[in-house]
């Protein structure tokens, strides 16, 4: 699982220029509407634990709000050299006329690299992120929101929308009914929707690779054993047995949103193997409307350097026809 920690080594780290946390107006609304215990502000990250909300300068949301969900050991905004947050994307959206009243993020988990392998799709994180999405909908008064997600945030985000039961290490819970009708666009960047080949033969040694609610990709498929990243596979593979959480998520026929987009890189330094897991790209959400493939970006760069493409997919609802190129930092 050493390769799993590559998640914490971004291909490019750009200096953060976005400062949170959530605005006083949003914080006061949350406190008045029974969200205190959810700690969406995340003061433990200082100003970088959250973002978004109305203010005197931006008194209302005038666009479909966009909610950002980061991956394992990351944070809402840039808080360290390894937890780079959504600064670049938020900056780009602000340059296109969005305001703090339209853009929202909260941190989940912590940024400690030593804890990366301990995280699973648990009730605590899924339910809390679900409540954050529900809170943004109520607070802004908008009928729909859009979600931009990265890495483990992709599968957490898909589950909070699809709803239903979770059997997790922290207990069993029911997330609730599907929120699909309340989501306009769902964008998943470099998500392990079919698991990670680095979880092969991991057993229970790495909790994040658990067979029930982790990123286990399965140890075999047909006559192929412990070689899920090979492409092409030596033998036919009709479908492996993999993480129950991911299997349930992928077999659920309900869509995540009116429009679903996926994007990934063939040079991903966390997922490895050109993003392939048992002959299929693990970052491709089954219900995708369209997808974008990069050839040179590392795992974190698919979040940090693609803000313009993210904007095209979420706002213009189209797959951008671009080659790999950094998004220029604004300001």
C-alpha atoms as a PDB file:
ATOM      1  CA  UNK A   1       0.000   0.000   0.000  1.00  0.00           C
ATOM      2  CA  UNK A   2       2.988   2.302  -0.224  1.00  0.00           C
ATOM      3  CA  UNK A   3       1.666   3.539  -3.548  1.00  0.00           C
ATOM      4  CA  UNK A   4      -1.579   4.580  -1.899  1.00  0.00           C
ATOM      5  CA  UNK A   5       0.282   7.326  -0.090  1.00  0.00           C
ATOM      6  CA  UNK A   6       1.243   8.834  -3.441  1.00  0.00           C
ATOM      7  CA  UNK A   7      -2.100  10.548  -3.003  1.00  0.00           C
ATOM      8  CA  UNK A   8      -0.269  12.849  -0.654  1.00  0.00           C
ATOM      9  CA  UNK A   9       2.432  13.824  -3.148  1.00  0.00           C
ATOM     10  CA  UNK A  10       0.867  16.183  -5.703  1.00  0.00           C
ATOM     11  CA  UNK A  11       2.453  16.465  -9.116  1.00  0.00           C
ATOM     12  CA  UNK A  12       2.261  20.224  -8.836  1.00  0.00           C
ATOM     13  CA  UNK A  13       1.650  22.409  -5.813  1.00  0.00           C
ATOM     14  CA  UNK A  14       0.443  25.912  -6.512  1.00  0.00           C
ATOM     15  CA  UNK A  15       0.394  28.564  -3.826  1.00  0.00           C
ATOM     16  CA  UNK A  16      -3.069  28.967  -2.351  1.00  0.00           C
ATOM     17  CA  UNK A  17      -4.768  32.323  -2.751  1.00  0.00           C
ATOM     18  CA  UNK A  18      -8.264  31.480  -1.517  1.00  0.00           C
ATOM     19  CA  UNK A  19      -9.117  32.132   2.122  1.00  0.00           C
ATOM     20  CA  UNK A  20     -12.057  30.746   4.064  1.00  0.00           C
ATOM     21  CA  UNK A  21     -13.728  29.708   6.189  1.00  0.00           C
ATOM     22  CA  UNK A  22     -17.483  29.841   5.551  1.00  0.00           C
ATOM     23  CA  UNK A  23     -18.969  33.315   5.901  1.00  0.00           C
ATOM     24  CA  UNK A  24     -20.526  34.560   9.128  1.00  0.00           C
ATOM     25  CA  UNK A  25     -23.921  34.575   7.441  1.00  0.00           C
ATOM     26  CA  UNK A  26     -23.666  30.875   6.546  1.00  0.00           C
ATOM     27  CA  UNK A  27     -22.250  30.002   9.967  1.00  0.00           C
ATOM     28  CA  UNK A  28     -25.095  31.811  11.756  1.00  0.00           C
ATOM     29  CA  UNK A  29     -27.653  30.074   9.524  1.00  0.00           C
ATOM     30  CA  UNK A  30     -26.104  26.676  10.262  1.00  0.00           C
ATOM     31  CA  UNK A  31     -26.130  27.390  14.002  1.00  0.00           C
ATOM     32  CA  UNK A  32     -29.808  28.350  13.826  1.00  0.00           C
ATOM     33  CA  UNK A  33     -30.807  25.280  11.847  1.00  0.00           C
ATOM     34  CA  UNK A  34     -29.394  22.423  13.935  1.00  0.00           C
ATOM     35  CA  UNK A  35     -26.077  21.945  12.103  1.00  0.00           C
ATOM     36  CA  UNK A  36     -23.744  22.907  14.956  1.00  0.00           C
ATOM     37  CA  UNK A  37     -22.655  19.337  15.652  1.00  0.00           C
ATOM     38  CA  UNK A  38     -21.647  18.830  12.008  1.00  0.00           C
ATOM     39  CA  UNK A  39     -18.766  21.301  12.359  1.00  0.00           C
ATOM     40  CA  UNK A  40     -18.865  22.344   8.711  1.00  0.00           C
ATOM     41  CA  UNK A  41     -16.555  25.276   9.451  1.00  0.00           C
ATOM     42  CA  UNK A  42     -13.689  22.980  10.559  1.00  0.00           C
ATOM     43  CA  UNK A  43     -11.892  25.506  12.716  1.00  0.00           C
ATOM     44  CA  UNK A  44      -9.139  22.935  13.292  1.00  0.00           C
ATOM     45  CA  UNK A  45      -7.911  23.874   9.784  1.00  0.00           C
ATOM     46  CA  UNK A  46      -7.926  27.579  10.577  1.00  0.00           C
ATOM     47  CA  UNK A  47      -9.231  29.601   7.639  1.00  0.00           C
ATOM     48  CA  UNK A  48      -8.756  26.725   5.179  1.00  0.00           C
ATOM     49  CA  UNK A  49     -11.218  24.157   6.489  1.00  0.00           C
ATOM     50  CA  UNK A  50     -14.256  25.406   4.615  1.00  0.00           C
ATOM     51  CA  UNK A  51     -15.526  27.923   2.103  1.00  0.00           C
ATOM     52  CA  UNK A  52     -18.720  29.598   0.926  1.00  0.00           C
ATOM     53  CA  UNK A  53     -21.719  31.604   2.019  1.00  0.00           C
ATOM     54  CA  UNK A  54     -23.525  34.877   1.563  1.00  0.00           C
ATOM     55  CA  UNK A  55     -22.159  38.243   2.686  1.00  0.00           C
ATOM     56  CA  UNK A  56     -23.019  41.921   2.384  1.00  0.00           C
ATOM     57  CA  UNK A  57     -21.037  41.987  -0.865  1.00  0.00           C
ATOM     58  CA  UNK A  58     -22.703  38.809  -2.163  1.00  0.00           C
ATOM     59  CA  UNK A  59     -26.154  38.699  -0.553  1.00  0.00           C
ATOM     60  CA  UNK A  60     -27.626  35.855  -2.640  1.00  0.00           C
ATOM     61  CA  UNK A  61     -26.738  32.891  -4.815  1.00  0.00           C
ATOM     62  CA  UNK A  62     -27.481  33.734  -8.439  1.00  0.00           C
ATOM     63  CA  UNK A  63     -26.176  30.523 -10.021  1.00  0.00           C
ATOM     64  CA  UNK A  64     -26.514  26.796  -9.445  1.00  0.00           C
ATOM     65  CA  UNK A  65     -24.302  26.356  -6.362  1.00  0.00           C
ATOM     66  CA  UNK A  66     -21.209  24.199  -6.790  1.00  0.00           C
ATOM     67  CA  UNK A  67     -20.089  21.962  -3.916  1.00  0.00           C
ATOM     68  CA  UNK A  68     -16.543  20.592  -3.794  1.00  0.00           C
ATOM     69  CA  UNK A  69     -15.622  17.289  -2.114  1.00  0.00           C
ATOM     70  CA  UNK A  70     -11.915  16.563  -1.771  1.00  0.00           C
ATOM     71  CA  UNK A  71     -10.126  13.240  -1.474  1.00  0.00           C
ATOM     72  CA  UNK A  72      -8.327  11.298   1.233  1.00  0.00           C
ATOM     73  CA  UNK A  73      -5.972  13.444   3.386  1.00  0.00           C
ATOM     74  CA  UNK A  74      -6.816  16.633   1.483  1.00  0.00           C
ATOM     75  CA  UNK A  75      -8.759  19.670   2.724  1.00  0.00           C
ATOM     76  CA  UNK A  76     -11.362  22.142   1.470  1.00  0.00           C
ATOM     77  CA  UNK A  77      -8.731  24.809   0.775  1.00  0.00           C
ATOM     78  CA  UNK A  78      -4.955  24.630   0.593  1.00  0.00           C
ATOM     79  CA  UNK A  79      -3.675  23.993   4.107  1.00  0.00           C
ATOM     80  CA  UNK A  80      -0.255  22.430   3.466  1.00  0.00           C
ATOM     81  CA  UNK A  81       2.112  21.372   0.690  1.00  0.00           C
ATOM     82  CA  UNK A  82       0.248  18.065   0.405  1.00  0.00           C
ATOM     83  CA  UNK A  83      -3.333  19.138   1.184  1.00  0.00           C
ATOM     84  CA  UNK A  84      -3.824  21.568  -1.695  1.00  0.00           C
ATOM     85  CA  UNK A  85      -7.603  21.886  -1.587  1.00  0.00           C
ATOM     86  CA  UNK A  86      -9.808  23.456  -4.234  1.00  0.00           C
ATOM     87  CA  UNK A  87      -8.052  26.857  -4.448  1.00  0.00           C
ATOM     88  CA  UNK A  88      -7.342  26.749  -8.181  1.00  0.00           C
ATOM     89  CA  UNK A  89     -10.850  25.696  -9.159  1.00  0.00           C
ATOM     90  CA  UNK A  90     -12.528  28.197  -6.852  1.00  0.00           C
ATOM     91  CA  UNK A  91     -10.275  30.976  -8.178  1.00  0.00           C
ATOM     92  CA  UNK A  92     -11.208  30.081 -11.740  1.00  0.00           C
ATOM     93  CA  UNK A  93     -14.932  30.018 -11.000  1.00  0.00           C
ATOM     94  CA  UNK A  94     -14.651  33.389  -9.235  1.00  0.00           C
ATOM     95  CA  UNK A  95     -13.006  34.806 -12.375  1.00  0.00           C
ATOM     96  CA  UNK A  96     -16.092  33.664 -14.313  1.00  0.00           C
ATOM     97  CA  UNK A  97     -18.571  35.592 -12.194  1.00  0.00           C
ATOM     98  CA  UNK A  98     -19.252  33.167  -9.367  1.00  0.00           C
ATOM     99  CA  UNK A  99     -19.159  34.459  -5.775  1.00  0.00           C
ATOM    100  CA  UNK A 100     -18.788  32.978  -2.297  1.00  0.00           C
ATOM    101  CA  UNK A 101     -22.581  32.637  -2.290  1.00  0.00           C
ATOM    102  CA  UNK A 102     -22.308  30.136  -5.167  1.00  0.00           C
ATOM    103  CA  UNK A 103     -19.296  28.003  -4.121  1.00  0.00           C
ATOM    104  CA  UNK A 104     -19.126  25.686  -1.097  1.00  0.00           C
ATOM    105  CA  UNK A 105     -16.687  23.260   0.503  1.00  0.00           C
ATOM    106  CA  UNK A 106     -16.067  21.605   3.847  1.00  0.00           C
ATOM    107  CA  UNK A 107     -13.203  19.354   4.906  1.00  0.00           C
ATOM    108  CA  UNK A 108     -13.706  15.728   5.908  1.00  0.00           C
ATOM    109  CA  UNK A 109     -11.190  13.587   7.760  1.00  0.00           C
ATOM    110  CA  UNK A 110      -7.767  15.068   8.472  1.00  0.00           C
ATOM    111  CA  UNK A 111      -4.629  15.799   6.480  1.00  0.00           C
ATOM    112  CA  UNK A 112      -2.319  13.427   8.355  1.00  0.00           C
ATOM    113  CA  UNK A 113      -0.549  11.187   5.842  1.00  0.00           C
ATOM    114  CA  UNK A 114      -0.210   8.453   8.451  1.00  0.00           C
ATOM    115  CA  UNK A 115      -4.001   8.135   8.567  1.00  0.00           C
ATOM    116  CA  UNK A 116      -4.537   7.790   4.809  1.00  0.00           C
ATOM    117  CA  UNK A 117      -4.729   3.995   4.886  1.00  0.00           C
ATOM    118  CA  UNK A 118      -7.239   3.975   7.757  1.00  0.00           C
ATOM    119  CA  UNK A 119     -10.086   5.687   5.934  1.00  0.00           C
ATOM    120  CA  UNK A 120     -13.103   3.872   4.531  1.00  0.00           C
ATOM    121  CA  UNK A 121     -16.549   4.773   3.218  1.00  0.00           C
ATOM    122  CA  UNK A 122     -18.077   5.057   6.680  1.00  0.00           C
ATOM    123  CA  UNK A 123     -21.372   6.304   8.023  1.00  0.00           C
ATOM    124  CA  UNK A 124     -19.856   9.333   9.769  1.00  0.00           C
ATOM    125  CA  UNK A 125     -18.333  10.907   6.667  1.00  0.00           C
ATOM    126  CA  UNK A 126     -21.102  10.030   4.187  1.00  0.00           C
ATOM    127  CA  UNK A 127     -23.901  11.244   6.476  1.00  0.00           C
ATOM    128  CA  UNK A 128     -22.046  14.447   7.355  1.00  0.00           C
ATOM    129  CA  UNK A 129     -21.315  15.283   3.704  1.00  0.00           C
ATOM    130  CA  UNK A 130     -24.937  14.488   2.825  1.00  0.00           C
ATOM    131  CA  UNK A 131     -26.088  16.983   5.457  1.00  0.00           C
ATOM    132  CA  UNK A 132     -23.710  19.566   4.012  1.00  0.00           C
ATOM    133  CA  UNK A 133     -25.275  19.210   0.563  1.00  0.00           C
ATOM    134  CA  UNK A 134     -28.759  19.393   2.086  1.00  0.00           C
ATOM    135  CA  UNK A 135     -27.740  22.487   4.056  1.00  0.00           C
ATOM    136  CA  UNK A 136     -26.435  24.293   0.955  1.00  0.00           C
ATOM    137  CA  UNK A 137     -29.684  23.557  -0.887  1.00  0.00           C
ATOM    138  CA  UNK A 138     -31.789  24.955   1.961  1.00  0.00           C
ATOM    139  CA  UNK A 139     -29.512  27.906   2.659  1.00  0.00           C
ATOM    140  CA  UNK A 140     -29.243  29.107  -0.939  1.00  0.00           C
ATOM    141  CA  UNK A 141     -32.869  28.386  -1.796  1.00  0.00           C
ATOM    142  CA  UNK A 142     -31.776  26.880  -5.114  1.00  0.00           C
ATOM    143  CA  UNK A 143     -33.536  23.823  -6.523  1.00  0.00           C
ATOM    144  CA  UNK A 144     -30.305  22.090  -7.548  1.00  0.00           C
ATOM    145  CA  UNK A 145     -26.601  22.022  -6.816  1.00  0.00           C
ATOM    146  CA  UNK A 146     -23.648  20.597  -8.761  1.00  0.00           C
ATOM    147  CA  UNK A 147     -20.812  18.559  -7.257  1.00  0.00           C
ATOM    148  CA  UNK A 148     -17.141  18.473  -8.238  1.00  0.00           C
ATOM    149  CA  UNK A 149     -15.360  15.596  -6.513  1.00  0.00           C
ATOM    150  CA  UNK A 150     -11.855  14.161  -6.478  1.00  0.00           C
ATOM    151  CA  UNK A 151     -10.317  10.808  -5.581  1.00  0.00           C
ATOM    152  CA  UNK A 152     -12.105   9.208  -2.603  1.00  0.00           C
ATOM    153  CA  UNK A 153     -14.444  12.194  -2.636  1.00  0.00           C
ATOM    154  CA  UNK A 154     -15.917  10.753  -5.849  1.00  0.00           C
ATOM    155  CA  UNK A 155     -17.225   7.575  -4.229  1.00  0.00           C
ATOM    156  CA  UNK A 156     -18.268   9.392  -1.056  1.00  0.00           C
ATOM    157  CA  UNK A 157     -20.125  11.924  -3.205  1.00  0.00           C
ATOM    158  CA  UNK A 158     -21.840   9.250  -5.293  1.00  0.00           C
ATOM    159  CA  UNK A 159     -23.070   7.481  -2.165  1.00  0.00           C
ATOM    160  CA  UNK A 160     -24.409  10.587  -0.458  1.00  0.00           C
ATOM    161  CA  UNK A 161     -26.500  11.264  -3.562  1.00  0.00           C
ATOM    162  CA  UNK A 162     -27.667   7.718  -4.260  1.00  0.00           C
ATOM    163  CA  UNK A 163     -28.550   7.117  -0.609  1.00  0.00           C
ATOM    164  CA  UNK A 164     -29.413   3.721   0.825  1.00  0.00           C
ATOM    165  CA  UNK A 165     -27.746   1.576   3.498  1.00  0.00           C
ATOM    166  CA  UNK A 166     -24.099   1.379   4.490  1.00  0.00           C
ATOM    167  CA  UNK A 167     -22.514  -1.455   6.455  1.00  0.00           C
ATOM    168  CA  UNK A 168     -19.404   0.188   7.827  1.00  0.00           C
ATOM    169  CA  UNK A 169     -16.738  -0.122  10.487  1.00  0.00           C
ATOM    170  CA  UNK A 170     -18.506   2.551  12.522  1.00  0.00           C
ATOM    171  CA  UNK A 171     -21.886   0.779  12.338  1.00  0.00           C
ATOM    172  CA  UNK A 172     -24.781   0.411   9.966  1.00  0.00           C
ATOM    173  CA  UNK A 173     -26.798   3.369   8.722  1.00  0.00           C
ATOM    174  CA  UNK A 174     -29.249   4.447   6.053  1.00  0.00           C
ATOM    175  CA  UNK A 175     -28.190   7.525   4.107  1.00  0.00           C
ATOM    176  CA  UNK A 176     -31.751   8.157   2.941  1.00  0.00           C
ATOM    177  CA  UNK A 177     -33.548   8.459  -0.369  1.00  0.00           C
ATOM    178  CA  UNK A 178     -31.820   9.421  -3.612  1.00  0.00           C
ATOM    179  CA  UNK A 179     -30.984  13.113  -4.067  1.00  0.00           C
ATOM    180  CA  UNK A 180     -30.513  12.753  -7.829  1.00  0.00           C
ATOM    181  CA  UNK A 181     -33.304  15.204  -8.670  1.00  0.00           C
ATOM    182  CA  UNK A 182     -31.515  17.868  -6.638  1.00  0.00           C
ATOM    183  CA  UNK A 183     -28.182  17.522  -8.465  1.00  0.00           C
ATOM    184  CA  UNK A 184     -27.611  19.143 -11.851  1.00  0.00           C
ATOM    185  CA  UNK A 185     -24.055  17.985 -12.638  1.00  0.00           C
ATOM    186  CA  UNK A 186     -21.813  15.462 -10.916  1.00  0.00           C
ATOM    187  CA  UNK A 187     -18.145  15.510 -11.910  1.00  0.00           C
ATOM    188  CA  UNK A 188     -15.795  12.799 -10.662  1.00  0.00           C
ATOM    189  CA  UNK A 189     -12.044  13.356 -11.023  1.00  0.00           C
ATOM    190  CA  UNK A 190      -9.748  10.338 -10.622  1.00  0.00           C
ATOM    191  CA  UNK A 191     -12.090   8.288  -8.474  1.00  0.00           C
ATOM    192  CA  UNK A 192     -11.594   4.623  -7.592  1.00  0.00           C
ATOM    193  CA  UNK A 193     -15.067   3.524  -8.660  1.00  0.00           C
ATOM    194  CA  UNK A 194     -13.916  -0.061  -9.260  1.00  0.00           C
ATOM    195  CA  UNK A 195     -11.263   0.004  -6.555  1.00  0.00           C
ATOM    196  CA  UNK A 196      -7.474   0.198  -6.669  1.00  0.00           C
ATOM    197  CA  UNK A 197      -5.149  -2.538  -7.908  1.00  0.00           C
ATOM    198  CA  UNK A 198      -2.758  -1.578  -5.098  1.00  0.00           C
ATOM    199  CA  UNK A 199      -5.339  -3.099  -2.751  1.00  0.00           C
ATOM    200  CA  UNK A 200      -4.835  -6.594  -4.163  1.00  0.00           C
ATOM    201  CA  UNK A 201      -4.118  -9.233  -1.497  1.00  0.00           C
ATOM    202  CA  UNK A 202      -4.231  -6.527   1.198  1.00  0.00           C
ATOM    203  CA  UNK A 203      -6.801  -8.306   3.376  1.00  0.00           C
ATOM    204  CA  UNK A 204      -7.544  -6.315   6.519  1.00  0.00           C
ATOM    205  CA  UNK A 205      -4.032  -4.909   6.875  1.00  0.00           C
ATOM    206  CA  UNK A 206      -5.041  -1.631   5.251  1.00  0.00           C
ATOM    207  CA  UNK A 207      -8.573  -0.573   6.291  1.00  0.00           C
ATOM    208  CA  UNK A 208      -8.986   1.604   3.193  1.00  0.00           C
ATOM    209  CA  UNK A 209      -8.725  -1.622   1.161  1.00  0.00           C
ATOM    210  CA  UNK A 210     -11.428  -3.436   3.110  1.00  0.00           C
ATOM    211  CA  UNK A 211     -13.591  -5.908   1.203  1.00  0.00           C
ATOM    212  CA  UNK A 212     -16.850  -4.506   2.583  1.00  0.00           C
ATOM    213  CA  UNK A 213     -16.563  -0.723   2.405  1.00  0.00           C
ATOM    214  CA  UNK A 214     -13.066  -0.023   1.125  1.00  0.00           C
ATOM    215  CA  UNK A 215     -11.323   0.218  -2.234  1.00  0.00           C
ATOM    216  CA  UNK A 216     -10.579  -3.489  -2.743  1.00  0.00           C
ATOM    217  CA  UNK A 217     -10.580  -4.200  -6.488  1.00  0.00           C
ATOM    218  CA  UNK A 218     -10.695  -7.974  -6.103  1.00  0.00           C
ATOM    219  CA  UNK A 219      -7.826 -10.469  -6.229  1.00  0.00           C
ATOM    220  CA  UNK A 220      -8.878 -12.386  -9.330  1.00  0.00           C
ATOM    221  CA  UNK A 221     -11.064 -12.336 -12.407  1.00  0.00           C
ATOM    222  CA  UNK A 222     -11.500 -15.538 -14.366  1.00  0.00           C
ATOM    223  CA  UNK A 223      -8.052 -17.126 -14.586  1.00  0.00           C
ATOM    224  CA  UNK A 224      -6.329 -13.807 -13.871  1.00  0.00           C
ATOM    225  CA  UNK A 225      -4.860 -13.665 -10.357  1.00  0.00           C
ATOM    226  CA  UNK A 226      -3.236 -10.638  -8.699  1.00  0.00           C
ATOM    227  CA  UNK A 227      -2.699  -8.840 -11.983  1.00  0.00           C
ATOM    228  CA  UNK A 228      -5.691  -6.510 -12.175  1.00  0.00           C
ATOM    229  CA  UNK A 229      -3.636  -3.675 -13.647  1.00  0.00           C
ATOM    230  CA  UNK A 230      -2.485  -5.555 -16.728  1.00  0.00           C
ATOM    231  CA  UNK A 231      -3.893  -4.383 -20.043  1.00  0.00           C
ATOM    232  CA  UNK A 232      -4.741  -6.433 -21.915  1.00  0.00           C
ATOM    233  CA  UNK A 233      -5.400  -9.163 -19.383  1.00  0.00           C
ATOM    234  CA  UNK A 234      -3.895 -12.597 -20.162  1.00  0.00           C
ATOM    235  CA  UNK A 235      -7.266 -14.353 -19.784  1.00  0.00           C
ATOM    236  CA  UNK A 236     -10.913 -13.378 -20.311  1.00  0.00           C
ATOM    237  CA  UNK A 237     -12.467 -11.464 -17.397  1.00  0.00           C
ATOM    238  CA  UNK A 238     -16.245 -11.320 -17.165  1.00  0.00           C
ATOM    239  CA  UNK A 239     -16.290  -9.348 -13.937  1.00  0.00           C
ATOM    240  CA  UNK A 240     -14.415  -9.657 -10.633  1.00  0.00           C
ATOM    241  CA  UNK A 241     -15.751  -9.818  -7.094  1.00  0.00           C
ATOM    242  CA  UNK A 242     -14.703  -6.531  -5.500  1.00  0.00           C
ATOM    243  CA  UNK A 243     -15.636  -4.152  -2.657  1.00  0.00           C
ATOM    244  CA  UNK A 244     -19.275  -4.622  -1.672  1.00  0.00           C
ATOM    245  CA  UNK A 245     -19.688  -0.873  -1.166  1.00  0.00           C
ATOM    246  CA  UNK A 246     -18.402  -0.139  -4.676  1.00  0.00           C
ATOM    247  CA  UNK A 247     -20.313  -3.040  -6.225  1.00  0.00           C
ATOM    248  CA  UNK A 248     -23.594  -1.804  -4.750  1.00  0.00           C
ATOM    249  CA  UNK A 249     -22.792   1.731  -5.881  1.00  0.00           C
ATOM    250  CA  UNK A 250     -22.045   0.668  -9.457  1.00  0.00           C
ATOM    251  CA  UNK A 251     -24.970  -1.730  -9.793  1.00  0.00           C
ATOM    252  CA  UNK A 252     -27.472   0.861  -8.574  1.00  0.00           C
ATOM    253  CA  UNK A 253     -29.252   1.931 -11.796  1.00  0.00           C
ATOM    254  CA  UNK A 254     -30.007   5.407 -10.472  1.00  0.00           C
ATOM    255  CA  UNK A 255     -27.937   8.270 -11.847  1.00  0.00           C
ATOM    256  CA  UNK A 256     -26.030  10.694  -9.656  1.00  0.00           C
ATOM    257  CA  UNK A 257     -27.292  13.775 -11.505  1.00  0.00           C
ATOM    258  CA  UNK A 258     -28.924  15.031 -14.664  1.00  0.00           C
ATOM    259  CA  UNK A 259     -25.401  15.148 -16.143  1.00  0.00           C
ATOM    260  CA  UNK A 260     -22.539  12.930 -14.988  1.00  0.00           C
ATOM    261  CA  UNK A 261     -18.943  13.439 -16.119  1.00  0.00           C
ATOM    262  CA  UNK A 262     -15.742  11.554 -15.356  1.00  0.00           C
ATOM    263  CA  UNK A 263     -12.123  12.595 -15.899  1.00  0.00           C
ATOM    264  CA  UNK A 264      -8.826  10.869 -15.248  1.00  0.00           C
ATOM    265  CA  UNK A 265      -5.211  10.583 -16.324  1.00  0.00           C
ATOM    266  CA  UNK A 266      -3.354   7.657 -17.838  1.00  0.00           C
ATOM    267  CA  UNK A 267      -0.292   8.857 -15.907  1.00  0.00           C
ATOM    268  CA  UNK A 268      -2.010   8.839 -12.488  1.00  0.00           C
ATOM    269  CA  UNK A 269       0.682   8.167  -9.879  1.00  0.00           C
ATOM    270  CA  UNK A 270      -1.747   6.893  -7.246  1.00  0.00           C
ATOM    271  CA  UNK A 271      -4.134   4.717  -9.227  1.00  0.00           C
ATOM    272  CA  UNK A 272      -1.308   3.566 -11.520  1.00  0.00           C
ATOM    273  CA  UNK A 273      -1.673   1.087 -14.426  1.00  0.00           C
ATOM    274  CA  UNK A 274      -3.067   3.755 -16.748  1.00  0.00           C
ATOM    275  CA  UNK A 275      -6.198   3.895 -14.544  1.00  0.00           C
ATOM    276  CA  UNK A 276      -7.116   0.341 -15.583  1.00  0.00           C
ATOM    277  CA  UNK A 277      -8.639  -2.133 -13.115  1.00  0.00           C
ATOM    278  CA  UNK A 278      -9.458  -5.569 -14.548  1.00  0.00           C
ATOM    279  CA  UNK A 279      -9.630  -4.143 -18.051  1.00  0.00           C
ATOM    280  CA  UNK A 280     -11.757  -1.067 -17.364  1.00  0.00           C
ATOM    281  CA  UNK A 281     -10.919   2.483 -16.207  1.00  0.00           C
ATOM    282  CA  UNK A 282     -11.648   2.705 -12.505  1.00  0.00           C
ATOM    283  CA  UNK A 283     -12.316   6.447 -12.742  1.00  0.00           C
ATOM    284  CA  UNK A 284     -15.169   6.026 -15.216  1.00  0.00           C
ATOM    285  CA  UNK A 285     -18.485   6.411 -13.371  1.00  0.00           C
ATOM    286  CA  UNK A 286     -20.885   3.883 -14.968  1.00  0.00           C
ATOM    287  CA  UNK A 287     -23.615   6.473 -15.568  1.00  0.00           C
ATOM    288  CA  UNK A 288     -21.302   9.021 -17.196  1.00  0.00           C
ATOM    289  CA  UNK A 289     -22.740  11.360 -19.808  1.00  0.00           C
ATOM    290  CA  UNK A 290     -19.205  11.900 -21.075  1.00  0.00           C
ATOM    291  CA  UNK A 291     -15.580  11.640 -19.979  1.00  0.00           C
ATOM    292  CA  UNK A 292     -12.204  13.312 -20.396  1.00  0.00           C
ATOM    293  CA  UNK A 293      -8.865  11.475 -20.423  1.00  0.00           C
ATOM    294  CA  UNK A 294      -5.539  13.208 -19.768  1.00  0.00           C
ATOM    295  CA  UNK A 295      -2.220  11.676 -20.727  1.00  0.00           C
ATOM    296  CA  UNK A 296       0.368  13.350 -18.498  1.00  0.00           C
ATOM    297  CA  UNK A 297      -1.198  14.537 -15.236  1.00  0.00           C
ATOM    298  CA  UNK A 298      -0.536  12.964 -11.871  1.00  0.00           C
ATOM    299  CA  UNK A 299      -3.315  12.181  -9.397  1.00  0.00           C
ATOM    300  CA  UNK A 300      -3.484  15.583  -7.696  1.00  0.00           C
ATOM    301  CA  UNK A 301      -2.904  17.471 -10.939  1.00  0.00           C
ATOM    302  CA  UNK A 302      -6.219  16.189 -12.320  1.00  0.00           C
ATOM    303  CA  UNK A 303      -7.776  18.395  -9.651  1.00  0.00           C
ATOM    304  CA  UNK A 304      -5.273  21.243  -9.516  1.00  0.00           C
ATOM    305  CA  UNK A 305      -4.603  21.887 -13.205  1.00  0.00           C
ATOM    306  CA  UNK A 306      -7.977  21.328 -14.852  1.00  0.00           C
ATOM    307  CA  UNK A 307     -10.152  24.129 -13.496  1.00  0.00           C
ATOM    308  CA  UNK A 308     -11.095  25.355 -16.978  1.00  0.00           C
ATOM    309  CA  UNK A 309     -12.175  21.850 -18.002  1.00  0.00           C
ATOM    310  CA  UNK A 310     -14.118  21.428 -14.773  1.00  0.00           C
ATOM    311  CA  UNK A 311     -15.913  24.679 -15.548  1.00  0.00           C
ATOM    312  CA  UNK A 312     -16.828  23.498 -19.062  1.00  0.00           C
ATOM    313  CA  UNK A 313     -18.294  20.240 -17.802  1.00  0.00           C
ATOM    314  CA  UNK A 314     -20.198  21.734 -14.876  1.00  0.00           C
ATOM    315  CA  UNK A 315     -21.399  25.001 -16.411  1.00  0.00           C
ATOM    316  CA  UNK A 316     -21.499  24.301 -20.145  1.00  0.00           C
ATOM    317  CA  UNK A 317     -22.299  20.589 -19.690  1.00  0.00           C
ATOM    318  CA  UNK A 318     -19.868  19.470 -22.347  1.00  0.00           C
ATOM    319  CA  UNK A 319     -16.629  17.507 -22.477  1.00  0.00           C
ATOM    320  CA  UNK A 320     -13.812  19.959 -23.280  1.00  0.00           C
ATOM    321  CA  UNK A 321     -11.784  19.307 -26.396  1.00  0.00           C
ATOM    322  CA  UNK A 322      -8.385  20.108 -24.922  1.00  0.00           C
ATOM    323  CA  UNK A 323      -4.998  18.540 -24.435  1.00  0.00           C
ATOM    324  CA  UNK A 324      -3.130  18.537 -21.126  1.00  0.00           C
ATOM    325  CA  UNK A 325      -2.279  22.063 -20.129  1.00  0.00           C
ATOM    326  CA  UNK A 326      -2.071  23.849 -16.786  1.00  0.00           C
ATOM    327  CA  UNK A 327      -4.809  26.257 -15.814  1.00  0.00           C
ATOM    328  CA  UNK A 328      -3.140  29.594 -15.273  1.00  0.00           C
ATOM    329  CA  UNK A 329      -3.418  30.828 -11.722  1.00  0.00           C
ATOM    330  CA  UNK A 330      -5.554  33.962 -11.414  1.00  0.00           C
ATOM    331  CA  UNK A 331      -4.279  36.810  -9.281  1.00  0.00           C
END
